[in-house]
Amino acid sequence: MTYSVLVAEDEPNIVLSLQFLMKQAGFSVRVAEDGDRAIREIEQQLPDAVLLDIMLPKRDGFSVCEAIKGNPAWSSIKVIILTAKSREIDKQRALGLGADAYITKPFSTRDLVARVSELLQPNEQ
């Protein structure tokens, strides 16, 4: 099974890097360059995971995370916050809204791929 990842990021160089990494890891990838577009992409086709920047145009990542985790039809989507915001208060807010992981930039590409893969593995009962 191929898992799908939505990259919600407005910095073109980071988008290219994340697309490359996720495709190399075997994921299908779509991109949204702002928060409103991220919501529209999810409405069109549910991704398995969203790599979500907090500082996005039009609608910030906190709002997008809240919308994802607040919608019962979307609650299975894994949300991985990727952000330059390293303050503990930002991390606690994101996790409080339901984010599954919080990773600060710059990040280890190997650790990011491992974390996404780990989150998408079916739970062993």
PDB file of N, CA and C in Angstrom:
ATOM      1  N   MET A   1       0.845  -1.190   0.000  1.00  0.00           N
ATOM      2  CA  MET A   1       0.000   0.000   0.000  1.00  0.00           C
ATOM      3  C   MET A   1       0.884   1.245   0.000  1.00  0.00           C
ATOM      4  N   THR A   2       0.580   2.171  -0.886  1.00  0.00           N
ATOM      5  CA  THR A   2       1.311   3.430  -0.933  1.00  0.00           C
ATOM      6  C   THR A   2       0.563   4.467  -0.098  1.00  0.00           C
ATOM      7  N   TYR A   3       1.258   5.043   0.859  1.00  0.00           N
ATOM      8  CA  TYR A   3       0.661   6.087   1.687  1.00  0.00           C
ATOM      9  C   TYR A   3       0.810   7.433   0.986  1.00  0.00           C
ATOM     10  N   SER A   4      -0.147   8.324   1.256  1.00  0.00           N
ATOM     11  CA  SER A   4      -0.101   9.648   0.642  1.00  0.00           C
ATOM     12  C   SER A   4       0.214  10.709   1.699  1.00  0.00           C
ATOM     13  N   VAL A   5       1.016  11.674   1.278  1.00  0.00           N
ATOM     14  CA  VAL A   5       1.432  12.762   2.161  1.00  0.00           C
ATOM     15  C   VAL A   5       1.095  14.088   1.487  1.00  0.00           C
ATOM     16  N   LEU A   6       0.444  14.971   2.239  1.00  0.00           N
ATOM     17  CA  LEU A   6       0.197  16.330   1.782  1.00  0.00           C
ATOM     18  C   LEU A   6       1.221  17.228   2.457  1.00  0.00           C
ATOM     19  N   VAL A   7       2.002  17.955   1.658  1.00  0.00           N
ATOM     20  CA  VAL A   7       2.987  18.899   2.176  1.00  0.00           C
ATOM     21  C   VAL A   7       2.348  20.287   2.142  1.00  0.00           C
ATOM     22  N   ALA A   8       2.092  20.854   3.320  1.00  0.00           N
ATOM     23  CA  ALA A   8       1.522  22.197   3.425  1.00  0.00           C
ATOM     24  C   ALA A   8       2.649  23.132   3.859  1.00  0.00           C
ATOM     25  N   GLU A   9       3.266  23.760   2.880  1.00  0.00           N
ATOM     26  CA  GLU A   9       4.475  24.570   3.088  1.00  0.00           C
ATOM     27  C   GLU A   9       4.539  25.628   2.001  1.00  0.00           C
ATOM     28  N   ASP A  10       4.946  26.858   2.362  1.00  0.00           N
ATOM     29  CA  ASP A  10       4.978  27.940   1.378  1.00  0.00           C
ATOM     30  C   ASP A  10       6.385  28.288   0.898  1.00  0.00           C
ATOM     31  N   GLU A  11       7.415  27.689   1.475  1.00  0.00           N
ATOM     32  CA  GLU A  11       8.788  27.974   1.059  1.00  0.00           C
ATOM     33  C   GLU A  11       9.187  26.991  -0.046  1.00  0.00           C
ATOM     34  N   PRO A  12       9.367  27.473  -1.288  1.00  0.00           N
ATOM     35  CA  PRO A  12       9.608  26.572  -2.420  1.00  0.00           C
ATOM     36  C   PRO A  12      10.767  25.593  -2.238  1.00  0.00           C
ATOM     37  N   ASN A  13      11.879  26.037  -1.656  1.00  0.00           N
ATOM     38  CA  ASN A  13      13.017  25.131  -1.473  1.00  0.00           C
ATOM     39  C   ASN A  13      12.697  23.998  -0.503  1.00  0.00           C
ATOM     40  N   ILE A  14      11.949  24.312   0.531  1.00  0.00           N
ATOM     41  CA  ILE A  14      11.560  23.273   1.492  1.00  0.00           C
ATOM     42  C   ILE A  14      10.561  22.318   0.840  1.00  0.00           C
ATOM     43  N   VAL A  15       9.638  22.864   0.039  1.00  0.00           N
ATOM     44  CA  VAL A  15       8.683  22.014  -0.676  1.00  0.00           C
ATOM     45  C   VAL A  15       9.419  21.008  -1.558  1.00  0.00           C
ATOM     46  N   LEU A  16      10.391  21.486  -2.335  1.00  0.00           N
ATOM     47  CA  LEU A  16      11.150  20.588  -3.214  1.00  0.00           C
ATOM     48  C   LEU A  16      11.870  19.503  -2.424  1.00  0.00           C
ATOM     49  N   SER A  17      12.478  19.893  -1.334  1.00  0.00           N
ATOM     50  CA  SER A  17      13.198  18.939  -0.493  1.00  0.00           C
ATOM     51  C   SER A  17      12.240  17.900   0.095  1.00  0.00           C
ATOM     52  N   LEU A  18      11.108  18.352   0.618  1.00  0.00           N
ATOM     53  CA  LEU A  18      10.146  17.427   1.216  1.00  0.00           C
ATOM     54  C   LEU A  18       9.522  16.500   0.167  1.00  0.00           C
ATOM     55  N   GLN A  19       9.216  17.052  -1.010  1.00  0.00           N
ATOM     56  CA  GLN A  19       8.681  16.209  -2.091  1.00  0.00           C
ATOM     57  C   GLN A  19       9.676  15.099  -2.430  1.00  0.00           C
ATOM     58  N   PHE A  20      10.923  15.483  -2.594  1.00  0.00           N
ATOM     59  CA  PHE A  20      11.959  14.515  -2.944  1.00  0.00           C
ATOM     60  C   PHE A  20      12.074  13.437  -1.867  1.00  0.00           C
ATOM     61  N   LEU A  21      12.185  13.864  -0.612  1.00  0.00           N
ATOM     62  CA  LEU A  21      12.339  12.918   0.494  1.00  0.00           C
ATOM     63  C   LEU A  21      11.175  11.938   0.587  1.00  0.00           C
ATOM     64  N   MET A  22       9.966  12.468   0.505  1.00  0.00           N
ATOM     65  CA  MET A  22       8.784  11.620   0.666  1.00  0.00           C
ATOM     66  C   MET A  22       8.627  10.665  -0.518  1.00  0.00           C
ATOM     67  N   LYS A  23       8.915  11.137  -1.723  1.00  0.00           N
ATOM     68  CA  LYS A  23       8.836  10.254  -2.893  1.00  0.00           C
ATOM     69  C   LYS A  23       9.894   9.163  -2.810  1.00  0.00           C
ATOM     70  N   GLN A  24      11.118   9.531  -2.376  1.00  0.00           N
ATOM     71  CA  GLN A  24      12.189   8.544  -2.220  1.00  0.00           C
ATOM     72  C   GLN A  24      11.802   7.466  -1.204  1.00  0.00           C
ATOM     73  N   ALA A  25      11.001   7.856  -0.203  1.00  0.00           N
ATOM     74  CA  ALA A  25      10.567   6.921   0.834  1.00  0.00           C
ATOM     75  C   ALA A  25       9.360   6.093   0.378  1.00  0.00           C
ATOM     76  N   GLY A  26       8.862   6.377  -0.841  1.00  0.00           N
ATOM     77  CA  GLY A  26       7.776   5.574  -1.390  1.00  0.00           C
ATOM     78  C   GLY A  26       6.378   6.131  -1.188  1.00  0.00           C
ATOM     79  N   PHE A  27       6.277   7.372  -0.734  1.00  0.00           N
ATOM     80  CA  PHE A  27       4.968   7.988  -0.532  1.00  0.00           C
ATOM     81  C   PHE A  27       4.523   8.740  -1.780  1.00  0.00           C
ATOM     82  N   SER A  28       3.212   8.811  -2.006  1.00  0.00           N
ATOM     83  CA  SER A  28       2.722   9.729  -3.029  1.00  0.00           C
ATOM     84  C   SER A  28       2.581  11.090  -2.349  1.00  0.00           C
ATOM     85  N   VAL A  29       2.856  12.159  -3.105  1.00  0.00           N
ATOM     86  CA  VAL A  29       2.956  13.490  -2.503  1.00  0.00           C
ATOM     87  C   VAL A  29       2.110  14.501  -3.268  1.00  0.00           C
ATOM     88  N   ARG A  30       1.375  15.323  -2.510  1.00  0.00           N
ATOM     89  CA  ARG A  30       0.705  16.503  -3.053  1.00  0.00           C
ATOM     90  C   ARG A  30       1.188  17.706  -2.246  1.00  0.00           C
ATOM     91  N   VAL A  31       1.014  18.898  -2.802  1.00  0.00           N
ATOM     92  CA  VAL A  31       1.514  20.112  -2.159  1.00  0.00           C
ATOM     93  C   VAL A  31       0.408  21.160  -2.073  1.00  0.00           C
ATOM     94  N   ALA A  32       0.382  21.846  -0.949  1.00  0.00           N
ATOM     95  CA  ALA A  32      -0.488  23.010  -0.753  1.00  0.00           C
ATOM     96  C   ALA A  32       0.389  24.142  -0.253  1.00  0.00           C
ATOM     97  N   GLU A  33       0.330  25.286  -0.924  1.00  0.00           N
ATOM     98  CA  GLU A  33       1.228  26.383  -0.557  1.00  0.00           C
ATOM     99  C   GLU A  33       0.621  27.367   0.450  1.00  0.00           C
ATOM    100  N   ASP A  34      -0.602  27.130   0.881  1.00  0.00           N
ATOM    101  CA  ASP A  34      -1.202  27.949   1.938  1.00  0.00           C
ATOM    102  C   ASP A  34      -2.236  27.109   2.696  1.00  0.00           C
ATOM    103  N   GLY A  35      -2.687  27.632   3.827  1.00  0.00           N
ATOM    104  CA  GLY A  35      -3.610  26.880   4.681  1.00  0.00           C
ATOM    105  C   GLY A  35      -4.959  26.598   4.037  1.00  0.00           C
ATOM    106  N   ASP A  36      -5.491  27.565   3.303  1.00  0.00           N
ATOM    107  CA  ASP A  36      -6.777  27.342   2.630  1.00  0.00           C
ATOM    108  C   ASP A  36      -6.661  26.224   1.604  1.00  0.00           C
ATOM    109  N   ARG A  37      -5.571  26.225   0.869  1.00  0.00           N
ATOM    110  CA  ARG A  37      -5.353  25.199  -0.151  1.00  0.00           C
ATOM    111  C   ARG A  37      -5.194  23.820   0.493  1.00  0.00           C
ATOM    112  N   ALA A  38      -4.554  23.785   1.651  1.00  0.00           N
ATOM    113  CA  ALA A  38      -4.387  22.511   2.365  1.00  0.00           C
ATOM    114  C   ALA A  38      -5.755  21.910   2.690  1.00  0.00           C
ATOM    115  N   ILE A  39      -6.666  22.732   3.179  1.00  0.00           N
ATOM    116  CA  ILE A  39      -8.012  22.241   3.505  1.00  0.00           C
ATOM    117  C   ILE A  39      -8.716  21.762   2.240  1.00  0.00           C
ATOM    118  N   ARG A  40      -8.602  22.510   1.148  1.00  0.00           N
ATOM    119  CA  ARG A  40      -9.240  22.090  -0.112  1.00  0.00           C
ATOM    120  C   ARG A  40      -8.665  20.765  -0.614  1.00  0.00           C
ATOM    121  N   GLU A  41      -7.351  20.605  -0.504  1.00  0.00           N
ATOM    122  CA  GLU A  41      -6.709  19.352  -0.928  1.00  0.00           C
ATOM    123  C   GLU A  41      -7.222  18.170  -0.100  1.00  0.00           C
ATOM    124  N   ILE A  42      -7.390  18.380   1.191  1.00  0.00           N
ATOM    125  CA  ILE A  42      -7.891  17.314   2.062  1.00  0.00           C
ATOM    126  C   ILE A  42      -9.342  16.981   1.703  1.00  0.00           C
ATOM    127  N   GLU A  43     -10.135  18.008   1.416  1.00  0.00           N
ATOM    128  CA  GLU A  43     -11.529  17.779   1.019  1.00  0.00           C
ATOM    129  C   GLU A  43     -11.617  16.961  -0.264  1.00  0.00           C
ATOM    130  N   GLN A  44     -10.689  17.192  -1.188  1.00  0.00           N
ATOM    131  CA  GLN A  44     -10.706  16.479  -2.471  1.00  0.00           C
ATOM    132  C   GLN A  44     -10.273  15.028  -2.316  1.00  0.00           C
ATOM    133  N   GLN A  45      -9.240  14.792  -1.522  1.00  0.00           N
ATOM    134  CA  GLN A  45      -8.737  13.432  -1.326  1.00  0.00           C
ATOM    135  C   GLN A  45      -7.969  13.382  -0.015  1.00  0.00           C
ATOM    136  N   LEU A  46      -8.428  12.523   0.901  1.00  0.00           N
ATOM    137  CA  LEU A  46      -7.782  12.428   2.207  1.00  0.00           C
ATOM    138  C   LEU A  46      -6.365  11.887   2.085  1.00  0.00           C
ATOM    139  N   PRO A  47      -5.394  12.615   2.620  1.00  0.00           N
ATOM    140  CA  PRO A  47      -4.033  12.073   2.684  1.00  0.00           C
ATOM    141  C   PRO A  47      -3.915  11.208   3.945  1.00  0.00           C
ATOM    142  N   ASP A  48      -2.891  10.396   3.998  1.00  0.00           N
ATOM    143  CA  ASP A  48      -2.630   9.629   5.216  1.00  0.00           C
ATOM    144  C   ASP A  48      -1.920  10.496   6.247  1.00  0.00           C
ATOM    145  N   ALA A  49      -1.132  11.465   5.761  1.00  0.00           N
ATOM    146  CA  ALA A  49      -0.396  12.357   6.656  1.00  0.00           C
ATOM    147  C   ALA A  49      -0.271  13.735   6.030  1.00  0.00           C
ATOM    148  N   VAL A  50      -0.153  14.739   6.892  1.00  0.00           N
ATOM    149  CA  VAL A  50       0.078  16.118   6.449  1.00  0.00           C
ATOM    150  C   VAL A  50       1.346  16.618   7.132  1.00  0.00           C
ATOM    151  N   LEU A  51       2.306  17.064   6.330  1.00  0.00           N
ATOM    152  CA  LEU A  51       3.480  17.772   6.849  1.00  0.00           C
ATOM    153  C   LEU A  51       3.096  19.239   6.826  1.00  0.00           C
ATOM    154  N   LEU A  52       2.910  19.822   7.991  1.00  0.00           N
ATOM    155  CA  LEU A  52       2.237  21.110   8.117  1.00  0.00           C
ATOM    156  C   LEU A  52       3.127  22.173   8.758  1.00  0.00           C
ATOM    157  N   ASP A  53       3.398  23.224   8.001  1.00  0.00           N
ATOM    158  CA  ASP A  53       4.109  24.383   8.544  1.00  0.00           C
ATOM    159  C   ASP A  53       3.113  25.203   9.350  1.00  0.00           C
ATOM    160  N   ILE A  54       3.564  25.859  10.410  1.00  0.00           N
ATOM    161  CA  ILE A  54       2.662  26.717  11.187  1.00  0.00           C
ATOM    162  C   ILE A  54       2.463  28.052  10.481  1.00  0.00           C
ATOM    163  N   MET A  55       3.556  28.624   9.965  1.00  0.00           N
ATOM    164  CA  MET A  55       3.474  29.958   9.368  1.00  0.00           C
ATOM    165  C   MET A  55       3.148  29.845   7.877  1.00  0.00           C
ATOM    166  N   LEU A  56       1.857  29.736   7.599  1.00  0.00           N
ATOM    167  CA  LEU A  56       1.370  29.635   6.224  1.00  0.00           C
ATOM    168  C   LEU A  56       0.539  30.863   5.880  1.00  0.00           C
ATOM    169  N   PRO A  57       0.504  31.256   4.606  1.00  0.00           N
ATOM    170  CA  PRO A  57      -0.389  32.336   4.198  1.00  0.00           C
ATOM    171  C   PRO A  57      -1.855  31.897   4.307  1.00  0.00           C
ATOM    172  N   LYS A  58      -2.730  32.866   4.439  1.00  0.00           N
ATOM    173  CA  LYS A  58      -4.189  32.720   4.405  1.00  0.00           C
ATOM    174  C   LYS A  58      -4.786  32.032   5.626  1.00  0.00           C
ATOM    175  N   ARG A  59      -4.195  30.962   6.083  1.00  0.00           N
ATOM    176  CA  ARG A  59      -4.704  30.217   7.243  1.00  0.00           C
ATOM    177  C   ARG A  59      -3.509  29.503   7.869  1.00  0.00           C
ATOM    178  N   ASP A  60      -3.227  29.819   9.149  1.00  0.00           N
ATOM    179  CA  ASP A  60      -2.013  29.239   9.735  1.00  0.00           C
ATOM    180  C   ASP A  60      -2.164  27.753  10.053  1.00  0.00           C
ATOM    181  N   GLY A  61      -1.027  27.121  10.317  1.00  0.00           N
ATOM    182  CA  GLY A  61      -1.002  25.693  10.569  1.00  0.00           C
ATOM    183  C   GLY A  61      -1.787  25.272  11.802  1.00  0.00           C
ATOM    184  N   PHE A  62      -1.843  26.134  12.824  1.00  0.00           N
ATOM    185  CA  PHE A  62      -2.642  25.811  14.003  1.00  0.00           C
ATOM    186  C   PHE A  62      -4.108  25.625  13.604  1.00  0.00           C
ATOM    187  N   SER A  63      -4.608  26.547  12.792  1.00  0.00           N
ATOM    188  CA  SER A  63      -6.002  26.492  12.346  1.00  0.00           C
ATOM    189  C   SER A  63      -6.263  25.263  11.472  1.00  0.00           C
ATOM    190  N   VAL A  64      -5.305  24.940  10.609  1.00  0.00           N
ATOM    191  CA  VAL A  64      -5.445  23.765   9.741  1.00  0.00           C
ATOM    192  C   VAL A  64      -5.445  22.493  10.589  1.00  0.00           C
ATOM    193  N   CYS A  65      -4.542  22.409  11.542  1.00  0.00           N
ATOM    194  CA  CYS A  65      -4.475  21.245  12.433  1.00  0.00           C
ATOM    195  C   CYS A  65      -5.791  21.084  13.196  1.00  0.00           C
ATOM    196  N   GLU A  66      -6.297  22.185  13.712  1.00  0.00           N
ATOM    197  CA  GLU A  66      -7.561  22.152  14.453  1.00  0.00           C
ATOM    198  C   GLU A  66      -8.713  21.670  13.566  1.00  0.00           C
ATOM    199  N   ALA A  67      -8.737  22.130  12.312  1.00  0.00           N
ATOM    200  CA  ALA A  67      -9.786  21.710  11.379  1.00  0.00           C
ATOM    201  C   ALA A  67      -9.682  20.216  11.075  1.00  0.00           C
ATOM    202  N   ILE A  68      -8.470  19.727  10.897  1.00  0.00           N
ATOM    203  CA  ILE A  68      -8.266  18.303  10.591  1.00  0.00           C
ATOM    204  C   ILE A  68      -8.703  17.444  11.773  1.00  0.00           C
ATOM    205  N   LYS A  69      -8.176  17.758  12.938  1.00  0.00           N
ATOM    206  CA  LYS A  69      -8.436  16.919  14.107  1.00  0.00           C
ATOM    207  C   LYS A  69      -9.856  17.105  14.655  1.00  0.00           C
ATOM    208  N   GLY A  70     -10.506  18.210  14.284  1.00  0.00           N
ATOM    209  CA  GLY A  70     -11.873  18.450  14.739  1.00  0.00           C
ATOM    210  C   GLY A  70     -12.928  17.827  13.844  1.00  0.00           C
ATOM    211  N   ASN A  71     -12.531  17.292  12.701  1.00  0.00           N
ATOM    212  CA  ASN A  71     -13.467  16.686  11.757  1.00  0.00           C
ATOM    213  C   ASN A  71     -13.381  15.165  11.911  1.00  0.00           C
ATOM    214  N   PRO A  72     -14.449  14.519  12.397  1.00  0.00           N
ATOM    215  CA  PRO A  72     -14.401  13.067  12.608  1.00  0.00           C
ATOM    216  C   PRO A  72     -14.015  12.281  11.352  1.00  0.00           C
ATOM    217  N   ALA A  73     -14.383  12.763  10.187  1.00  0.00           N
ATOM    218  CA  ALA A  73     -14.054  12.061   8.938  1.00  0.00           C
ATOM    219  C   ALA A  73     -12.562  12.166   8.613  1.00  0.00           C
ATOM    220  N   TRP A  74     -11.867  13.118   9.233  1.00  0.00           N
ATOM    221  CA  TRP A  74     -10.449  13.353   8.959  1.00  0.00           C
ATOM    222  C   TRP A  74      -9.557  12.932  10.118  1.00  0.00           C
ATOM    223  N   SER A  75     -10.127  12.469  11.190  1.00  0.00           N
ATOM    224  CA  SER A  75      -9.356  12.263  12.426  1.00  0.00           C
ATOM    225  C   SER A  75      -8.236  11.237  12.291  1.00  0.00           C
ATOM    226  N   SER A  76      -8.294  10.383  11.289  1.00  0.00           N
ATOM    227  CA  SER A  76      -7.231   9.382  11.117  1.00  0.00           C
ATOM    228  C   SER A  76      -5.984   9.966  10.440  1.00  0.00           C
ATOM    229  N   ILE A  77      -6.098  11.174   9.886  1.00  0.00           N
ATOM    230  CA  ILE A  77      -4.947  11.809   9.224  1.00  0.00           C
ATOM    231  C   ILE A  77      -3.895  12.149  10.276  1.00  0.00           C
ATOM    232  N   LYS A  78      -2.669  11.734  10.017  1.00  0.00           N
ATOM    233  CA  LYS A  78      -1.563  12.061  10.920  1.00  0.00           C
ATOM    234  C   LYS A  78      -1.051  13.458  10.574  1.00  0.00           C
ATOM    235  N   VAL A  79      -0.907  14.302  11.572  1.00  0.00           N
ATOM    236  CA  VAL A  79      -0.433  15.671  11.366  1.00  0.00           C
ATOM    237  C   VAL A  79       0.950  15.811  11.995  1.00  0.00           C
ATOM    238  N   ILE A  80       1.925  16.114  11.142  1.00  0.00           N
ATOM    239  CA  ILE A  80       3.296  16.335  11.598  1.00  0.00           C
ATOM    240  C   ILE A  80       3.612  17.811  11.371  1.00  0.00           C
ATOM    241  N   ILE A  81       3.752  18.541  12.453  1.00  0.00           N
ATOM    242  CA  ILE A  81       4.086  19.959  12.368  1.00  0.00           C
ATOM    243  C   ILE A  81       5.579  20.076  12.065  1.00  0.00           C
ATOM    244  N   LEU A  82       5.906  20.829  11.013  1.00  0.00           N
ATOM    245  CA  LEU A  82       7.296  21.128  10.645  1.00  0.00           C
ATOM    246  C   LEU A  82       7.433  22.642  10.678  1.00  0.00           C
ATOM    247  N   THR A  83       8.157  23.159  11.634  1.00  0.00           N
ATOM    248  CA  THR A  83       8.154  24.601  11.805  1.00  0.00           C
ATOM    249  C   THR A  83       9.475  25.146  12.340  1.00  0.00           C
ATOM    250  N   ALA A  84       9.702  26.425  12.099  1.00  0.00           N
ATOM    251  CA  ALA A  84      10.842  27.122  12.682  1.00  0.00           C
ATOM    252  C   ALA A  84      10.516  27.583  14.106  1.00  0.00           C
ATOM    253  N   LYS A  85       9.251  27.492  14.489  1.00  0.00           N
ATOM    254  CA  LYS A  85       8.839  27.931  15.834  1.00  0.00           C
ATOM    255  C   LYS A  85       9.257  26.883  16.856  1.00  0.00           C
ATOM    256  N   SER A  86      10.261  27.219  17.653  1.00  0.00           N
ATOM    257  CA  SER A  86      10.802  26.238  18.591  1.00  0.00           C
ATOM    258  C   SER A  86      10.400  26.506  20.038  1.00  0.00           C
ATOM    259  N   ARG A  87       9.556  27.516  20.261  1.00  0.00           N
ATOM    260  CA  ARG A  87       9.138  27.814  21.639  1.00  0.00           C
ATOM    261  C   ARG A  87       8.229  26.705  22.167  1.00  0.00           C
ATOM    262  N   GLU A  88       8.398  26.380  23.420  1.00  0.00           N
ATOM    263  CA  GLU A  88       7.618  25.318  24.052  1.00  0.00           C
ATOM    264  C   GLU A  88       6.117  25.621  24.000  1.00  0.00           C
ATOM    265  N   ILE A  89       5.745  26.887  24.101  1.00  0.00           N
ATOM    266  CA  ILE A  89       4.324  27.245  24.071  1.00  0.00           C
ATOM    267  C   ILE A  89       3.693  26.893  22.708  1.00  0.00           C
ATOM    268  N   ASP A  90       4.455  27.076  21.632  1.00  0.00           N
ATOM    269  CA  ASP A  90       3.951  26.717  20.298  1.00  0.00           C
ATOM    270  C   ASP A  90       3.796  25.206  20.179  1.00  0.00           C
ATOM    271  N   LYS A  91       4.788  24.481  20.690  1.00  0.00           N
ATOM    272  CA  LYS A  91       4.731  23.020  20.646  1.00  0.00           C
ATOM    273  C   LYS A  91       3.526  22.515  21.436  1.00  0.00           C
ATOM    274  N   GLN A  92       3.321  23.041  22.641  1.00  0.00           N
ATOM    275  CA  GLN A  92       2.198  22.602  23.471  1.00  0.00           C
ATOM    276  C   GLN A  92       0.853  22.933  22.811  1.00  0.00           C
ATOM    277  N   ARG A  93       0.783  24.091  22.157  1.00  0.00           N
ATOM    278  CA  ARG A  93      -0.456  24.451  21.465  1.00  0.00           C
ATOM    279  C   ARG A  93      -0.751  23.467  20.338  1.00  0.00           C
ATOM    280  N   ALA A  94       0.261  23.162  19.529  1.00  0.00           N
ATOM    281  CA  ALA A  94       0.075  22.238  18.402  1.00  0.00           C
ATOM    282  C   ALA A  94      -0.335  20.853  18.891  1.00  0.00           C
ATOM    283  N   LEU A  95       0.374  20.344  19.890  1.00  0.00           N
ATOM    284  CA  LEU A  95       0.048  19.017  20.416  1.00  0.00           C
ATOM    285  C   LEU A  95      -1.331  19.023  21.073  1.00  0.00           C
ATOM    286  N   GLY A  96      -1.678  20.142  21.710  1.00  0.00           N
ATOM    287  CA  GLY A  96      -3.003  20.279  22.314  1.00  0.00           C
ATOM    288  C   GLY A  96      -4.126  20.271  21.286  1.00  0.00           C
ATOM    289  N   LEU A  97      -3.816  20.726  20.074  1.00  0.00           N
ATOM    290  CA  LEU A  97      -4.803  20.715  18.986  1.00  0.00           C
ATOM    291  C   LEU A  97      -4.883  19.349  18.309  1.00  0.00           C
ATOM    292  N   GLY A  98      -3.997  18.438  18.715  1.00  0.00           N
ATOM    293  CA  GLY A  98      -4.062  17.082  18.178  1.00  0.00           C
ATOM    294  C   GLY A  98      -2.943  16.680  17.241  1.00  0.00           C
ATOM    295  N   ALA A  99      -1.946  17.549  17.044  1.00  0.00           N
ATOM    296  CA  ALA A  99      -0.827  17.168  16.166  1.00  0.00           C
ATOM    297  C   ALA A  99      -0.190  15.884  16.686  1.00  0.00           C
ATOM    298  N   ASP A 100       0.207  15.029  15.762  1.00  0.00           N
ATOM    299  CA  ASP A 100       0.809  13.749  16.129  1.00  0.00           C
ATOM    300  C   ASP A 100       2.313  13.859  16.373  1.00  0.00           C
ATOM    301  N   ALA A 101       2.937  14.888  15.823  1.00  0.00           N
ATOM    302  CA  ALA A 101       4.374  15.102  16.027  1.00  0.00           C
ATOM    303  C   ALA A 101       4.681  16.575  15.787  1.00  0.00           C
ATOM    304  N   TYR A 102       5.758  17.048  16.416  1.00  0.00           N
ATOM    305  CA  TYR A 102       6.191  18.441  16.290  1.00  0.00           C
ATOM    306  C   TYR A 102       7.685  18.430  16.047  1.00  0.00           C
ATOM    307  N   ILE A 103       8.102  18.824  14.861  1.00  0.00           N
ATOM    308  CA  ILE A 103       9.505  18.793  14.464  1.00  0.00           C
ATOM    309  C   ILE A 103       9.936  20.199  14.075  1.00  0.00           C
ATOM    310  N   THR A 104      11.040  20.665  14.666  1.00  0.00           N
ATOM    311  CA  THR A 104      11.492  22.020  14.363  1.00  0.00           C
ATOM    312  C   THR A 104      12.532  22.010  13.250  1.00  0.00           C
ATOM    313  N   LYS A 105      12.506  23.082  12.455  1.00  0.00           N
ATOM    314  CA  LYS A 105      13.477  23.295  11.383  1.00  0.00           C
ATOM    315  C   LYS A 105      14.704  23.965  11.992  1.00  0.00           C
ATOM    316  N   PRO A 106      15.883  23.653  11.549  1.00  0.00           N
ATOM    317  CA  PRO A 106      16.195  22.623  10.554  1.00  0.00           C
ATOM    318  C   PRO A 106      16.024  21.250  11.173  1.00  0.00           C
ATOM    319  N   PHE A 107      15.693  20.265  10.343  1.00  0.00           N
ATOM    320  CA  PHE A 107      15.426  18.930  10.841  1.00  0.00           C
ATOM    321  C   PHE A 107      16.302  17.919  10.106  1.00  0.00           C
ATOM    322  N   SER A 108      16.481  16.784  10.737  1.00  0.00           N
ATOM    323  CA  SER A 108      17.217  15.686  10.110  1.00  0.00           C
ATOM    324  C   SER A 108      16.281  15.014   9.107  1.00  0.00           C
ATOM    325  N   THR A 109      16.705  14.928   7.859  1.00  0.00           N
ATOM    326  CA  THR A 109      15.842  14.310   6.841  1.00  0.00           C
ATOM    327  C   THR A 109      15.590  12.845   7.180  1.00  0.00           C
ATOM    328  N   ARG A 110      16.590  12.162   7.664  1.00  0.00           N
ATOM    329  CA  ARG A 110      16.430  10.746   8.022  1.00  0.00           C
ATOM    330  C   ARG A 110      15.415  10.597   9.159  1.00  0.00           C
ATOM    331  N   ASP A 111      15.514  11.466  10.173  1.00  0.00           N
ATOM    332  CA  ASP A 111      14.582  11.404  11.299  1.00  0.00           C
ATOM    333  C   ASP A 111      13.156  11.726  10.855  1.00  0.00           C
ATOM    334  N   LEU A 112      13.010  12.686   9.949  1.00  0.00           N
ATOM    335  CA  LEU A 112      11.680  13.039   9.461  1.00  0.00           C
ATOM    336  C   LEU A 112      11.037  11.859   8.730  1.00  0.00           C
ATOM    337  N   VAL A 113      11.756  11.254   7.812  1.00  0.00           N
ATOM    338  CA  VAL A 113      11.216  10.111   7.067  1.00  0.00           C
ATOM    339  C   VAL A 113      10.877   8.972   8.030  1.00  0.00           C
ATOM    340  N   ALA A 114      11.743   8.733   8.999  1.00  0.00           N
ATOM    341  CA  ALA A 114      11.491   7.673   9.980  1.00  0.00           C
ATOM    342  C   ALA A 114      10.240   7.961  10.796  1.00  0.00           C
ATOM    343  N   ARG A 115      10.058   9.217  11.189  1.00  0.00           N
ATOM    344  CA  ARG A 115       8.885   9.595  12.010  1.00  0.00           C
ATOM    345  C   ARG A 115       7.601   9.449  11.213  1.00  0.00           C
ATOM    346  N   VAL A 116       7.595   9.896   9.970  1.00  0.00           N
ATOM    347  CA  VAL A 116       6.403   9.761   9.125  1.00  0.00           C
ATOM    348  C   VAL A 116       6.086   8.281   8.920  1.00  0.00           C
ATOM    349  N   SER A 117       7.092   7.498   8.605  1.00  0.00           N
ATOM    350  CA  SER A 117       6.888   6.063   8.388  1.00  0.00           C
ATOM    351  C   SER A 117       6.339   5.392   9.639  1.00  0.00           C
ATOM    352  N   GLU A 118       6.892   5.770  10.773  1.00  0.00           N
ATOM    353  CA  GLU A 118       6.453   5.202  12.065  1.00  0.00           C
ATOM    354  C   GLU A 118       4.988   5.531  12.329  1.00  0.00           C
ATOM    355  N   LEU A 119       4.602   6.776  12.089  1.00  0.00           N
ATOM    356  CA  LEU A 119       3.220   7.193  12.340  1.00  0.00           C
ATOM    357  C   LEU A 119       2.227   6.498  11.412  1.00  0.00           C
ATOM    358  N   LEU A 120       2.676   6.138  10.212  1.00  0.00           N
ATOM    359  CA  LEU A 120       1.759   5.546   9.246  1.00  0.00           C
ATOM    360  C   LEU A 120       1.680   4.015   9.341  1.00  0.00           C
ATOM    361  N   GLN A 121       2.524   3.413  10.161  1.00  0.00           N
ATOM    362  CA  GLN A 121       2.455   1.961  10.301  1.00  0.00           C
ATOM    363  C   GLN A 121       1.186   1.584  11.064  1.00  0.00           C
ATOM    364  N   PRO A 122       0.507   0.531  10.586  1.00  0.00           N
ATOM    365  CA  PRO A 122      -0.691   0.087  11.312  1.00  0.00           C
ATOM    366  C   PRO A 122      -0.311  -0.345  12.718  1.00  0.00           C
ATOM    367  N   ASN A 123      -1.177  -0.032  13.664  1.00  0.00           N
ATOM    368  CA  ASN A 123      -0.911  -0.419  15.050  1.00  0.00           C
ATOM    369  C   ASN A 123      -0.991  -1.937  15.177  1.00  0.00           C
ATOM    370  N   GLU A 124       0.033  -2.510  15.761  1.00  0.00           N
ATOM    371  CA  GLU A 124       0.048  -3.958  15.986  1.00  0.00           C
ATOM    372  C   GLU A 124      -0.759  -4.220  17.260  1.00  0.00           C
ATOM    373  N   GLN A 125      -1.724  -5.095  17.154  1.00  0.00           N
ATOM    374  CA  GLN A 125      -2.558  -5.408  18.321  1.00  0.00           C
ATOM    375  C   GLN A 125      -2.083  -6.656  19.005  1.00  0.00           C
TER     376      GLN A 125
END
